[in-house]
C-alpha atoms as a PDB file:
ATOM      1  CA  UNK A   1       0.000   0.000   0.000  1.00  0.00           C
ATOM      2  CA  UNK A   2       1.406   3.395  -0.901  1.00  0.00           C
ATOM      3  CA  UNK A   3       1.947   6.062   1.712  1.00  0.00           C
ATOM      4  CA  UNK A   4      -0.807   8.209   0.109  1.00  0.00           C
ATOM      5  CA  UNK A   5      -3.300   5.357   0.323  1.00  0.00           C
ATOM      6  CA  UNK A   6      -2.302   4.713   3.908  1.00  0.00           C
ATOM      7  CA  UNK A   7      -2.832   8.347   4.844  1.00  0.00           C
ATOM      8  CA  UNK A   8      -6.208   8.426   3.137  1.00  0.00           C
ATOM      9  CA  UNK A   9      -7.234   5.282   4.906  1.00  0.00           C
ATOM     10  CA  UNK A  10      -5.778   6.536   8.174  1.00  0.00           C
ATOM     11  CA  UNK A  11      -7.612   9.906   8.143  1.00  0.00           C
ATOM     12  CA  UNK A  12     -10.932   8.805   6.628  1.00  0.00           C
ATOM     13  CA  UNK A  13     -12.598   7.827   9.890  1.00  0.00           C
ATOM     14  CA  UNK A  14     -11.769  11.005  11.851  1.00  0.00           C
ATOM     15  CA  UNK A  15     -12.832  13.214   8.930  1.00  0.00           C
ATOM     16  CA  UNK A  16     -16.186  11.463   8.699  1.00  0.00           C
ATOM     17  CA  UNK A  17     -16.743  11.846  12.428  1.00  0.00           C
ATOM     18  CA  UNK A  18     -15.916  15.550  12.198  1.00  0.00           C
ATOM     19  CA  UNK A  19     -18.430  16.105   9.410  1.00  0.00           C
ATOM     20  CA  UNK A  20     -21.128  14.302  11.345  1.00  0.00           C
ATOM     21  CA  UNK A  21     -20.281  16.267  14.471  1.00  0.00           C
ATOM     22  CA  UNK A  22     -20.442  19.554  12.572  1.00  0.00           C
ATOM     23  CA  UNK A  23     -23.834  18.593  11.165  1.00  0.00           C
ATOM     24  CA  UNK A  24     -25.192  17.728  14.578  1.00  0.00           C
ATOM     25  CA  UNK A  25     -24.009  20.878  16.314  1.00  0.00           C
ATOM     26  CA  UNK A  26     -24.876  23.242  13.437  1.00  0.00           C
ATOM     27  CA  UNK A  27     -28.295  24.198  14.902  1.00  0.00           C
ATOM     28  CA  UNK A  28     -26.624  25.063  18.210  1.00  0.00           C
ATOM     29  CA  UNK A  29     -23.978  27.392  16.799  1.00  0.00           C
ATOM     30  CA  UNK A  30     -24.408  31.068  17.714  1.00  0.00           C
ATOM     31  CA  UNK A  31     -24.175  32.097  14.077  1.00  0.00           C
ATOM     32  CA  UNK A  32     -27.002  29.738  13.182  1.00  0.00           C
ATOM     33  CA  UNK A  33     -29.085  30.996  16.065  1.00  0.00           C
ATOM     34  CA  UNK A  34     -28.668  34.575  14.860  1.00  0.00           C
ATOM     35  CA  UNK A  35     -29.572  33.541  11.326  1.00  0.00           C
ATOM     36  CA  UNK A  36     -32.688  31.660  12.503  1.00  0.00           C
ATOM     37  CA  UNK A  37     -33.709  34.517  14.766  1.00  0.00           C
ATOM     38  CA  UNK A  38     -33.407  37.020  11.912  1.00  0.00           C
ATOM     39  CA  UNK A  39     -35.455  34.789   9.619  1.00  0.00           C
ATOM     40  CA  UNK A  40     -38.116  34.309  12.299  1.00  0.00           C
ATOM     41  CA  UNK A  41     -38.189  38.042  12.990  1.00  0.00           C
ATOM     42  CA  UNK A  42     -38.652  38.756   9.286  1.00  0.00           C
ATOM     43  CA  UNK A  43     -41.492  36.266   9.023  1.00  0.00           C
ATOM     44  CA  UNK A  44     -43.123  37.675  12.168  1.00  0.00           C
ATOM     45  CA  UNK A  45     -42.981  41.199  10.726  1.00  0.00           C
ATOM     46  CA  UNK A  46     -44.587  40.007   7.515  1.00  0.00           C
ATOM     47  CA  UNK A  47     -47.333  38.187   9.415  1.00  0.00           C
ATOM     48  CA  UNK A  48     -47.889  41.228  11.624  1.00  0.00           C
ATOM     49  CA  UNK A  49     -48.221  43.467   8.558  1.00  0.00           C
ATOM     50  CA  UNK A  50     -50.698  41.047   6.989  1.00  0.00           C
ATOM     51  CA  UNK A  51     -52.700  40.858  10.220  1.00  0.00           C
ATOM     52  CA  UNK A  52     -52.800  44.647  10.620  1.00  0.00           C
ATOM     53  CA  UNK A  53     -53.811  45.056   6.996  1.00  0.00           C
ATOM     54  CA  UNK A  54     -56.647  42.546   7.392  1.00  0.00           C
ATOM     55  CA  UNK A  55     -57.779  44.174  10.632  1.00  0.00           C
ATOM     56  CA  UNK A  56     -57.768  47.557   8.905  1.00  0.00           C
ATOM     57  CA  UNK A  57     -59.831  46.199   6.025  1.00  0.00           C
ATOM     58  CA  UNK A  58     -62.332  44.557   8.401  1.00  0.00           C
ATOM     59  CA  UNK A  59     -62.510  47.741  10.516  1.00  0.00           C
ATOM     60  CA  UNK A  60     -63.451  49.820   7.479  1.00  0.00           C
ATOM     61  CA  UNK A  61     -65.740  47.264   5.827  1.00  0.00           C
ATOM     62  CA  UNK A  62     -67.737  46.626   9.015  1.00  0.00           C
ATOM     63  CA  UNK A  63     -67.873  50.252  10.139  1.00  0.00           C
ATOM     64  CA  UNK A  64     -71.416  51.639  10.543  1.00  0.00           C
ATOM     65  CA  UNK A  65     -70.767  54.203   7.807  1.00  0.00           C
ATOM     66  CA  UNK A  66     -69.626  51.728   5.122  1.00  0.00           C
ATOM     67  CA  UNK A  67     -71.694  48.693   6.128  1.00  0.00           C
ATOM     68  CA  UNK A  68     -74.953  50.531   6.874  1.00  0.00           C
ATOM     69  CA  UNK A  69     -76.896  48.572   4.212  1.00  0.00           C
ATOM     70  CA  UNK A  70     -75.907  45.409   6.085  1.00  0.00           C
ATOM     71  CA  UNK A  71     -76.768  46.891   9.474  1.00  0.00           C
ATOM     72  CA  UNK A  72     -80.160  47.980   8.116  1.00  0.00           C
ATOM     73  CA  UNK A  73     -80.991  44.286   7.756  1.00  0.00           C
ATOM     74  CA  UNK A  74     -80.008  43.835  11.411  1.00  0.00           C
ATOM     75  CA  UNK A  75     -81.883  46.892  12.692  1.00  0.00           C
ATOM     76  CA  UNK A  76     -85.162  46.451  10.852  1.00  0.00           C
ATOM     77  CA  UNK A  77     -87.412  43.394  11.069  1.00  0.00           C
ATOM     78  CA  UNK A  78     -90.486  44.257   8.994  1.00  0.00           C
ATOM     79  CA  UNK A  79     -93.591  42.090   8.883  1.00  0.00           C
ATOM     80  CA  UNK A  80     -95.976  42.308   5.960  1.00  0.00           C
ATOM     81  CA  UNK A  81     -98.705  40.098   7.409  1.00  0.00           C
ATOM     82  CA  UNK A  82    -101.286  41.081   9.997  1.00  0.00           C
ATOM     83  CA  UNK A  83    -104.960  41.645  10.660  1.00  0.00           C
ATOM     84  CA  UNK A  84    -105.789  44.515   8.325  1.00  0.00           C
ATOM     85  CA  UNK A  85    -109.528  43.820   8.557  1.00  0.00           C
ATOM     86  CA  UNK A  86    -109.862  45.617  11.891  1.00  0.00           C
ATOM     87  CA  UNK A  87    -112.878  47.944  11.650  1.00  0.00           C
ATOM     88  CA  UNK A  88    -112.466  49.952  14.841  1.00  0.00           C
ATOM     89  CA  UNK A  89    -110.483  50.276  18.053  1.00  0.00           C
ATOM     90  CA  UNK A  90    -111.985  51.551  21.323  1.00  0.00           C
ATOM     91  CA  UNK A  91    -115.177  52.444  19.458  1.00  0.00           C
ATOM     92  CA  UNK A  92    -113.405  54.674  16.901  1.00  0.00           C
ATOM     93  CA  UNK A  93    -113.584  53.670  13.256  1.00  0.00           C
ATOM     94  CA  UNK A  94    -110.420  52.993  11.286  1.00  0.00           C
ATOM     95  CA  UNK A  95    -109.612  54.831   8.068  1.00  0.00           C
ATOM     96  CA  UNK A  96    -106.987  53.501   5.653  1.00  0.00           C
ATOM     97  CA  UNK A  97    -104.733  56.268   4.372  1.00  0.00           C
ATOM     98  CA  UNK A  98    -102.233  55.952   1.522  1.00  0.00           C
ATOM     99  CA  UNK A  99     -99.556  58.541   0.846  1.00  0.00           C
ATOM    100  CA  UNK A 100     -96.056  58.875  -0.639  1.00  0.00           C
ATOM    101  CA  UNK A 101     -92.677  59.883   0.741  1.00  0.00           C
ATOM    102  CA  UNK A 102     -90.233  62.154  -1.104  1.00  0.00           C
ATOM    103  CA  UNK A 103     -89.034  59.180  -3.175  1.00  0.00           C
ATOM    104  CA  UNK A 104     -92.627  58.490  -4.313  1.00  0.00           C
ATOM    105  CA  UNK A 105     -92.742  55.248  -2.358  1.00  0.00           C
ATOM    106  CA  UNK A 106     -96.338  54.347  -1.502  1.00  0.00           C
ATOM    107  CA  UNK A 107     -96.937  54.111   2.250  1.00  0.00           C
ATOM    108  CA  UNK A 108     -99.888  52.898   4.308  1.00  0.00           C
ATOM    109  CA  UNK A 109    -101.405  54.242   7.522  1.00  0.00           C
ATOM    110  CA  UNK A 110    -104.414  53.924   9.793  1.00  0.00           C
ATOM    111  CA  UNK A 111    -106.232  56.999  11.047  1.00  0.00           C
ATOM    112  CA  UNK A 112    -108.579  56.913  14.040  1.00  0.00           C
ATOM    113  CA  UNK A 113    -110.454  60.206  14.239  1.00  0.00           C
ATOM    114  CA  UNK A 114    -111.740  60.403  17.811  1.00  0.00           C
ATOM    115  CA  UNK A 115    -114.650  62.929  17.883  1.00  0.00           C
ATOM    116  CA  UNK A 116    -113.818  63.866  21.467  1.00  0.00           C
ATOM    117  CA  UNK A 117    -110.120  64.517  20.808  1.00  0.00           C
ATOM    118  CA  UNK A 118    -108.338  67.834  21.001  1.00  0.00           C
ATOM    119  CA  UNK A 119    -105.002  66.356  19.939  1.00  0.00           C
ATOM    120  CA  UNK A 120    -103.949  63.869  17.278  1.00  0.00           C
ATOM    121  CA  UNK A 121    -101.020  61.530  17.874  1.00  0.00           C
ATOM    122  CA  UNK A 122     -98.611  60.716  15.063  1.00  0.00           C
ATOM    123  CA  UNK A 123     -97.314  57.278  16.078  1.00  0.00           C
ATOM    124  CA  UNK A 124     -93.897  56.045  14.866  1.00  0.00           C
ATOM    125  CA  UNK A 125     -93.503  52.401  15.899  1.00  0.00           C
ATOM    126  CA  UNK A 126     -90.454  50.261  16.644  1.00  0.00           C
ATOM    127  CA  UNK A 127     -88.131  48.242  14.421  1.00  0.00           C
ATOM    128  CA  UNK A 128     -90.245  45.077  14.121  1.00  0.00           C
ATOM    129  CA  UNK A 129     -93.753  44.034  13.152  1.00  0.00           C
ATOM    130  CA  UNK A 130     -96.159  46.589  11.666  1.00  0.00           C
ATOM    131  CA  UNK A 131     -99.131  48.740  12.633  1.00  0.00           C
ATOM    132  CA  UNK A 132    -101.401  45.710  13.117  1.00  0.00           C
ATOM    133  CA  UNK A 133     -99.263  44.680  16.106  1.00  0.00           C
ATOM    134  CA  UNK A 134     -99.933  47.942  17.998  1.00  0.00           C
ATOM    135  CA  UNK A 135    -103.614  47.529  18.798  1.00  0.00           C
ATOM    136  CA  UNK A 136    -103.128  47.566  22.590  1.00  0.00           C
ATOM    137  CA  UNK A 137    -101.230  50.855  22.674  1.00  0.00           C
ATOM    138  CA  UNK A 138    -103.705  52.306  20.156  1.00  0.00           C
ATOM    139  CA  UNK A 139    -106.577  51.358  22.453  1.00  0.00           C
ATOM    140  CA  UNK A 140    -104.840  52.997  25.403  1.00  0.00           C
ATOM    141  CA  UNK A 141    -104.168  56.225  23.483  1.00  0.00           C
ATOM    142  CA  UNK A 142    -107.681  56.485  22.057  1.00  0.00           C
ATOM    143  CA  UNK A 143    -109.159  55.858  25.513  1.00  0.00           C
ATOM    144  CA  UNK A 144    -106.888  58.642  26.765  1.00  0.00           C
ATOM    145  CA  UNK A 145    -108.815  61.032  24.515  1.00  0.00           C
ATOM    146  CA  UNK A 146    -106.615  61.246  21.426  1.00  0.00           C
ATOM    147  CA  UNK A 147    -107.069  60.707  17.727  1.00  0.00           C
ATOM    148  CA  UNK A 148    -104.261  58.564  16.298  1.00  0.00           C
ATOM    149  CA  UNK A 149    -102.474  58.409  12.950  1.00  0.00           C
ATOM    150  CA  UNK A 150    -100.178  55.365  12.805  1.00  0.00           C
ATOM    151  CA  UNK A 151     -98.166  54.522   9.691  1.00  0.00           C
ATOM    152  CA  UNK A 152     -95.796  51.821   8.483  1.00  0.00           C
ATOM    153  CA  UNK A 153     -92.269  52.626   7.360  1.00  0.00           C
ATOM    154  CA  UNK A 154     -91.157  51.613   3.869  1.00  0.00           C
ATOM    155  CA  UNK A 155     -91.081  47.817   3.640  1.00  0.00           C
ATOM    156  CA  UNK A 156     -93.348  47.306   6.663  1.00  0.00           C
ATOM    157  CA  UNK A 157     -96.923  46.059   6.401  1.00  0.00           C
ATOM    158  CA  UNK A 158     -98.628  47.338   3.255  1.00  0.00           C
ATOM    159  CA  UNK A 159     -96.008  50.040   2.644  1.00  0.00           C
ATOM    160  CA  UNK A 160     -93.790  49.516  -0.387  1.00  0.00           C
ATOM    161  CA  UNK A 161     -90.010  49.834  -0.584  1.00  0.00           C
ATOM    162  CA  UNK A 162     -87.400  48.821   1.984  1.00  0.00           C
ATOM    163  CA  UNK A 163     -86.446  50.429   5.294  1.00  0.00           C
ATOM    164  CA  UNK A 164     -83.374  52.459   6.225  1.00  0.00           C
ATOM    165  CA  UNK A 165     -82.623  55.023   8.924  1.00  0.00           C
ATOM    166  CA  UNK A 166     -82.762  57.983   6.539  1.00  0.00           C
ATOM    167  CA  UNK A 167     -85.767  56.470   4.768  1.00  0.00           C
ATOM    168  CA  UNK A 168     -87.773  56.145   7.982  1.00  0.00           C
ATOM    169  CA  UNK A 169     -87.171  59.811   8.798  1.00  0.00           C
ATOM    170  CA  UNK A 170     -88.374  60.703   5.307  1.00  0.00           C
ATOM    171  CA  UNK A 171     -91.446  58.495   5.859  1.00  0.00           C
ATOM    172  CA  UNK A 172     -92.206  60.264   9.150  1.00  0.00           C
ATOM    173  CA  UNK A 173     -91.979  63.705   7.545  1.00  0.00           C
ATOM    174  CA  UNK A 174     -94.310  62.531   4.781  1.00  0.00           C
ATOM    175  CA  UNK A 175     -96.762  61.210   7.386  1.00  0.00           C
ATOM    176  CA  UNK A 176     -96.786  64.555   9.208  1.00  0.00           C
ATOM    177  CA  UNK A 177     -97.324  66.474   5.968  1.00  0.00           C
ATOM    178  CA  UNK A 178    -100.146  64.098   5.008  1.00  0.00           C
ATOM    179  CA  UNK A 179    -101.882  64.812   8.308  1.00  0.00           C
ATOM    180  CA  UNK A 180    -101.535  68.523   7.700  1.00  0.00           C
ATOM    181  CA  UNK A 181    -102.288  68.751   3.983  1.00  0.00           C
ATOM    182  CA  UNK A 182    -104.574  65.798   3.255  1.00  0.00           C
ATOM    183  CA  UNK A 183    -106.411  65.324   6.549  1.00  0.00           C
ATOM    184  CA  UNK A 184    -106.369  69.073   7.369  1.00  0.00           C
ATOM    185  CA  UNK A 185    -105.126  68.557  10.926  1.00  0.00           C
ATOM    186  CA  UNK A 186    -103.697  71.644  12.604  1.00  0.00           C
ATOM    187  CA  UNK A 187     -99.939  71.019  13.180  1.00  0.00           C
ATOM    188  CA  UNK A 188    -100.224  72.685  16.580  1.00  0.00           C
ATOM    189  CA  UNK A 189    -102.619  69.916  17.655  1.00  0.00           C
ATOM    190  CA  UNK A 190    -100.264  67.096  16.590  1.00  0.00           C
ATOM    191  CA  UNK A 191     -98.391  65.190  19.307  1.00  0.00           C
ATOM    192  CA  UNK A 192     -95.470  63.063  18.105  1.00  0.00           C
ATOM    193  CA  UNK A 193     -95.270  59.615  19.723  1.00  0.00           C
ATOM    194  CA  UNK A 194     -92.231  57.370  19.249  1.00  0.00           C
ATOM    195  CA  UNK A 195     -91.890  53.758  20.378  1.00  0.00           C
ATOM    196  CA  UNK A 196     -88.425  52.163  20.732  1.00  0.00           C
ATOM    197  CA  UNK A 197     -86.607  52.791  17.419  1.00  0.00           C
ATOM    198  CA  UNK A 198     -89.449  55.180  16.616  1.00  0.00           C
ATOM    199  CA  UNK A 199     -88.249  57.502  19.389  1.00  0.00           C
ATOM    200  CA  UNK A 200     -85.145  58.299  17.344  1.00  0.00           C
ATOM    201  CA  UNK A 201     -87.314  58.820  14.264  1.00  0.00           C
ATOM    202  CA  UNK A 202     -89.639  61.045  16.287  1.00  0.00           C
ATOM    203  CA  UNK A 203     -86.819  63.231  17.626  1.00  0.00           C
ATOM    204  CA  UNK A 204     -85.551  63.752  14.066  1.00  0.00           C
ATOM    205  CA  UNK A 205     -89.067  64.561  12.864  1.00  0.00           C
ATOM    206  CA  UNK A 206     -89.477  67.082  15.678  1.00  0.00           C
ATOM    207  CA  UNK A 207     -86.382  68.914  14.399  1.00  0.00           C
ATOM    208  CA  UNK A 208     -88.068  69.337  10.995  1.00  0.00           C
ATOM    209  CA  UNK A 209     -91.671  70.014  11.993  1.00  0.00           C
ATOM    210  CA  UNK A 210     -93.244  72.022  14.821  1.00  0.00           C
ATOM    211  CA  UNK A 211     -95.752  70.153  16.960  1.00  0.00           C
ATOM    212  CA  UNK A 212     -97.773  70.341  20.178  1.00  0.00           C
ATOM    213  CA  UNK A 213     -95.814  67.756  22.187  1.00  0.00           C
ATOM    214  CA  UNK A 214     -93.476  64.758  22.077  1.00  0.00           C
ATOM    215  CA  UNK A 215     -93.946  61.379  23.790  1.00  0.00           C
ATOM    216  CA  UNK A 216     -91.044  58.915  23.905  1.00  0.00           C
ATOM    217  CA  UNK A 217     -91.743  55.324  24.938  1.00  0.00           C
ATOM    218  CA  UNK A 218     -88.789  52.982  25.581  1.00  0.00           C
ATOM    219  CA  UNK A 219     -86.345  55.483  24.114  1.00  0.00           C
ATOM    220  CA  UNK A 220     -82.596  55.197  23.532  1.00  0.00           C
ATOM    221  CA  UNK A 221     -80.286  58.193  23.964  1.00  0.00           C
ATOM    222  CA  UNK A 222     -78.648  57.882  20.529  1.00  0.00           C
ATOM    223  CA  UNK A 223     -77.871  55.240  17.908  1.00  0.00           C
ATOM    224  CA  UNK A 224     -74.094  55.158  18.637  1.00  0.00           C
ATOM    225  CA  UNK A 225     -74.671  54.892  22.390  1.00  0.00           C
ATOM    226  CA  UNK A 226     -77.141  52.012  22.235  1.00  0.00           C
ATOM    227  CA  UNK A 227     -75.023  50.228  19.602  1.00  0.00           C
ATOM    228  CA  UNK A 228     -71.948  50.391  21.853  1.00  0.00           C
ATOM    229  CA  UNK A 229     -73.961  49.259  24.844  1.00  0.00           C
ATOM    230  CA  UNK A 230     -75.426  46.216  23.097  1.00  0.00           C
ATOM    231  CA  UNK A 231     -72.395  45.136  21.023  1.00  0.00           C
ATOM    232  CA  UNK A 232     -68.800  45.556  22.232  1.00  0.00           C
ATOM    233  CA  UNK A 233     -67.386  45.754  18.691  1.00  0.00           C
ATOM    234  CA  UNK A 234     -69.103  49.119  18.128  1.00  0.00           C
ATOM    235  CA  UNK A 235     -67.054  50.629  20.940  1.00  0.00           C
ATOM    236  CA  UNK A 236     -64.156  50.659  18.480  1.00  0.00           C
ATOM    237  CA  UNK A 237     -65.865  53.255  16.299  1.00  0.00           C
ATOM    238  CA  UNK A 238     -65.957  57.022  16.992  1.00  0.00           C
ATOM    239  CA  UNK A 239     -69.128  59.032  16.374  1.00  0.00           C
ATOM    240  CA  UNK A 240     -68.046  60.340  12.961  1.00  0.00           C
ATOM    241  CA  UNK A 241     -68.002  56.746  11.615  1.00  0.00           C
ATOM    242  CA  UNK A 242     -71.765  56.504  12.172  1.00  0.00           C
ATOM    243  CA  UNK A 243     -74.376  57.765   9.649  1.00  0.00           C
ATOM    244  CA  UNK A 244     -75.145  61.477   9.624  1.00  0.00           C
ATOM    245  CA  UNK A 245     -78.549  60.748  11.191  1.00  0.00           C
ATOM    246  CA  UNK A 246     -77.491  59.251  14.517  1.00  0.00           C
ATOM    247  CA  UNK A 247     -81.068  59.312  15.878  1.00  0.00           C
ATOM    248  CA  UNK A 248     -79.681  61.373  18.730  1.00  0.00           C
ATOM    249  CA  UNK A 249     -82.669  62.035  20.957  1.00  0.00           C
ATOM    250  CA  UNK A 250     -80.504  63.310  23.802  1.00  0.00           C
ATOM    251  CA  UNK A 251     -79.002  65.967  21.542  1.00  0.00           C
ATOM    252  CA  UNK A 252     -82.468  66.995  20.322  1.00  0.00           C
ATOM    253  CA  UNK A 253     -83.938  67.551  23.787  1.00  0.00           C
ATOM    254  CA  UNK A 254     -80.976  69.729  24.809  1.00  0.00           C
ATOM    255  CA  UNK A 255     -82.360  72.394  22.482  1.00  0.00           C
ATOM    256  CA  UNK A 256     -85.801  73.948  22.184  1.00  0.00           C
ATOM    257  CA  UNK A 257     -88.587  71.387  22.283  1.00  0.00           C
ATOM    258  CA  UNK A 258     -92.329  71.249  23.062  1.00  0.00           C
ATOM    259  CA  UNK A 259     -93.674  69.564  26.228  1.00  0.00           C
ATOM    260  CA  UNK A 260     -91.968  66.180  26.569  1.00  0.00           C
ATOM    261  CA  UNK A 261     -93.232  62.967  28.168  1.00  0.00           C
ATOM    262  CA  UNK A 262     -90.840  60.025  28.612  1.00  0.00           C
ATOM    263  CA  UNK A 263     -92.245  56.570  29.428  1.00  0.00           C
ATOM    264  CA  UNK A 264     -90.034  53.573  30.196  1.00  0.00           C
ATOM    265  CA  UNK A 265     -90.341  50.128  31.747  1.00  0.00           C
ATOM    266  CA  UNK A 266     -87.918  49.513  34.615  1.00  0.00           C
ATOM    267  CA  UNK A 267     -87.546  45.856  33.568  1.00  0.00           C
ATOM    268  CA  UNK A 268     -86.608  46.734  29.995  1.00  0.00           C
ATOM    269  CA  UNK A 269     -83.545  44.616  29.111  1.00  0.00           C
ATOM    270  CA  UNK A 270     -83.453  45.679  25.447  1.00  0.00           C
ATOM    271  CA  UNK A 271     -83.134  49.416  26.012  1.00  0.00           C
ATOM    272  CA  UNK A 272     -82.224  49.837  29.696  1.00  0.00           C
ATOM    273  CA  UNK A 273     -84.104  52.434  31.707  1.00  0.00           C
ATOM    274  CA  UNK A 274     -80.988  54.563  32.249  1.00  0.00           C
ATOM    275  CA  UNK A 275     -81.550  55.818  28.679  1.00  0.00           C
ATOM    276  CA  UNK A 276     -84.768  57.456  29.878  1.00  0.00           C
ATOM    277  CA  UNK A 277     -82.886  59.011  32.805  1.00  0.00           C
ATOM    278  CA  UNK A 278     -80.219  60.366  30.438  1.00  0.00           C
ATOM    279  CA  UNK A 279     -82.780  61.906  28.081  1.00  0.00           C
ATOM    280  CA  UNK A 280     -84.762  63.395  30.948  1.00  0.00           C
ATOM    281  CA  UNK A 281     -81.634  64.920  32.473  1.00  0.00           C
ATOM    282  CA  UNK A 282     -80.652  66.433  29.122  1.00  0.00           C
ATOM    283  CA  UNK A 283     -84.094  67.917  28.351  1.00  0.00           C
ATOM    284  CA  UNK A 284     -84.134  71.694  28.602  1.00  0.00           C
ATOM    285  CA  UNK A 285     -87.867  72.486  28.457  1.00  0.00           C
ATOM    286  CA  UNK A 286     -91.047  71.255  30.152  1.00  0.00           C
ATOM    287  CA  UNK A 287     -90.651  67.522  30.753  1.00  0.00           C
ATOM    288  CA  UNK A 288     -92.089  64.525  32.606  1.00  0.00           C
ATOM    289  CA  UNK A 289     -90.715  61.040  33.246  1.00  0.00           C
ATOM    290  CA  UNK A 290     -92.888  58.020  34.028  1.00  0.00           C
ATOM    291  CA  UNK A 291     -91.183  54.756  34.994  1.00  0.00           C
ATOM    292  CA  UNK A 292     -93.290  51.607  34.988  1.00  0.00           C
ATOM    293  CA  UNK A 293     -91.979  49.215  37.668  1.00  0.00           C
ATOM    294  CA  UNK A 294     -93.381  46.027  36.112  1.00  0.00           C
ATOM    295  CA  UNK A 295     -93.021  46.823  32.423  1.00  0.00           C
ATOM    296  CA  UNK A 296     -90.297  45.490  30.125  1.00  0.00           C
ATOM    297  CA  UNK A 297     -89.740  46.574  26.507  1.00  0.00           C
ATOM    298  CA  UNK A 298     -92.762  45.223  24.664  1.00  0.00           C
ATOM    299  CA  UNK A 299     -95.532  45.245  27.261  1.00  0.00           C
ATOM    300  CA  UNK A 300     -95.852  48.901  28.274  1.00  0.00           C
ATOM    301  CA  UNK A 301     -99.646  49.045  27.612  1.00  0.00           C
ATOM    302  CA  UNK A 302    -100.169  46.042  29.898  1.00  0.00           C
ATOM    303  CA  UNK A 303     -98.494  47.833  32.808  1.00  0.00           C
ATOM    304  CA  UNK A 304     -99.800  51.373  32.375  1.00  0.00           C
ATOM    305  CA  UNK A 305    -100.101  53.135  35.724  1.00  0.00           C
ATOM    306  CA  UNK A 306    -102.341  55.869  37.094  1.00  0.00           C
ATOM    307  CA  UNK A 307     -99.398  58.273  36.829  1.00  0.00           C
ATOM    308  CA  UNK A 308     -98.900  57.397  33.171  1.00  0.00           C
ATOM    309  CA  UNK A 309    -102.598  58.010  32.503  1.00  0.00           C
ATOM    310  CA  UNK A 310    -102.432  61.425  34.169  1.00  0.00           C
ATOM    311  CA  UNK A 311     -99.326  62.467  32.230  1.00  0.00           C
ATOM    312  CA  UNK A 312    -100.871  61.332  28.939  1.00  0.00           C
ATOM    313  CA  UNK A 313    -104.049  63.277  29.690  1.00  0.00           C
ATOM    314  CA  UNK A 314    -101.954  66.348  30.501  1.00  0.00           C
ATOM    315  CA  UNK A 315    -100.013  66.374  27.221  1.00  0.00           C
ATOM    316  CA  UNK A 316    -103.176  65.590  25.216  1.00  0.00           C
ATOM    317  CA  UNK A 317    -105.210  68.519  26.570  1.00  0.00           C
END
């Protein structure tokens, strides 16, 4: 065997061991750790950028301003069915009234002309059902000595179209103008009555039309406030992200307003009673607050009290 072959044979085993050793310890070398750390840091930055970008996109897409058409489907729950064959309530005959809003959408209303009434209530109902589901409150109001005009928003009941916040305000203005121009009712004898979502509609209507009084049943302070209270995600959005019409009843009553009556059930777990307290505290003119100890959100007529009856009679004189 030549000396070169002997050396190759002699050093082959140690060289192989060294290579294997280097391979095994490579992950534990400081240089490799630094390299791995830098690669991991780069990947983490990329993932963070992607995550922030996605969060930004979701924040904008689901904001109340951009996604309002989607939220309209969450806010409004219109029913088209109901008992439209009702002839009278509390001894007062029903009249069907059809009119149009500014977009020429055909709307439907009931009018109960109480011969003994000095005031006529324009009733804006809540976000669900339709006018046929308000017979109990209609009975209470007519028995309190009022005439009542109750209408359905676009997309509710027999009214055409589809509902939206701005659209409902437009519908309410059209209803008021119909009472004045078609039914020849003196605007100074009209009392605006809002129920639940309708309280925000009523406060907006009262900013556009003068009236004799305002009644708010189960009211919320403003759309942003109740949204943040009911869903944590909306706390991420500042006021300017919400639609221009924020249905801000609290802001309305801080200014000039006619006599105001606020009615709220103390067991209301949909719109908590503190909303009524907030609105009452903010009101700057003549005001009354009636809390119904046993009433929740949808059963106010069933728990009407003597005090509520007196306050209704007062504002309807």
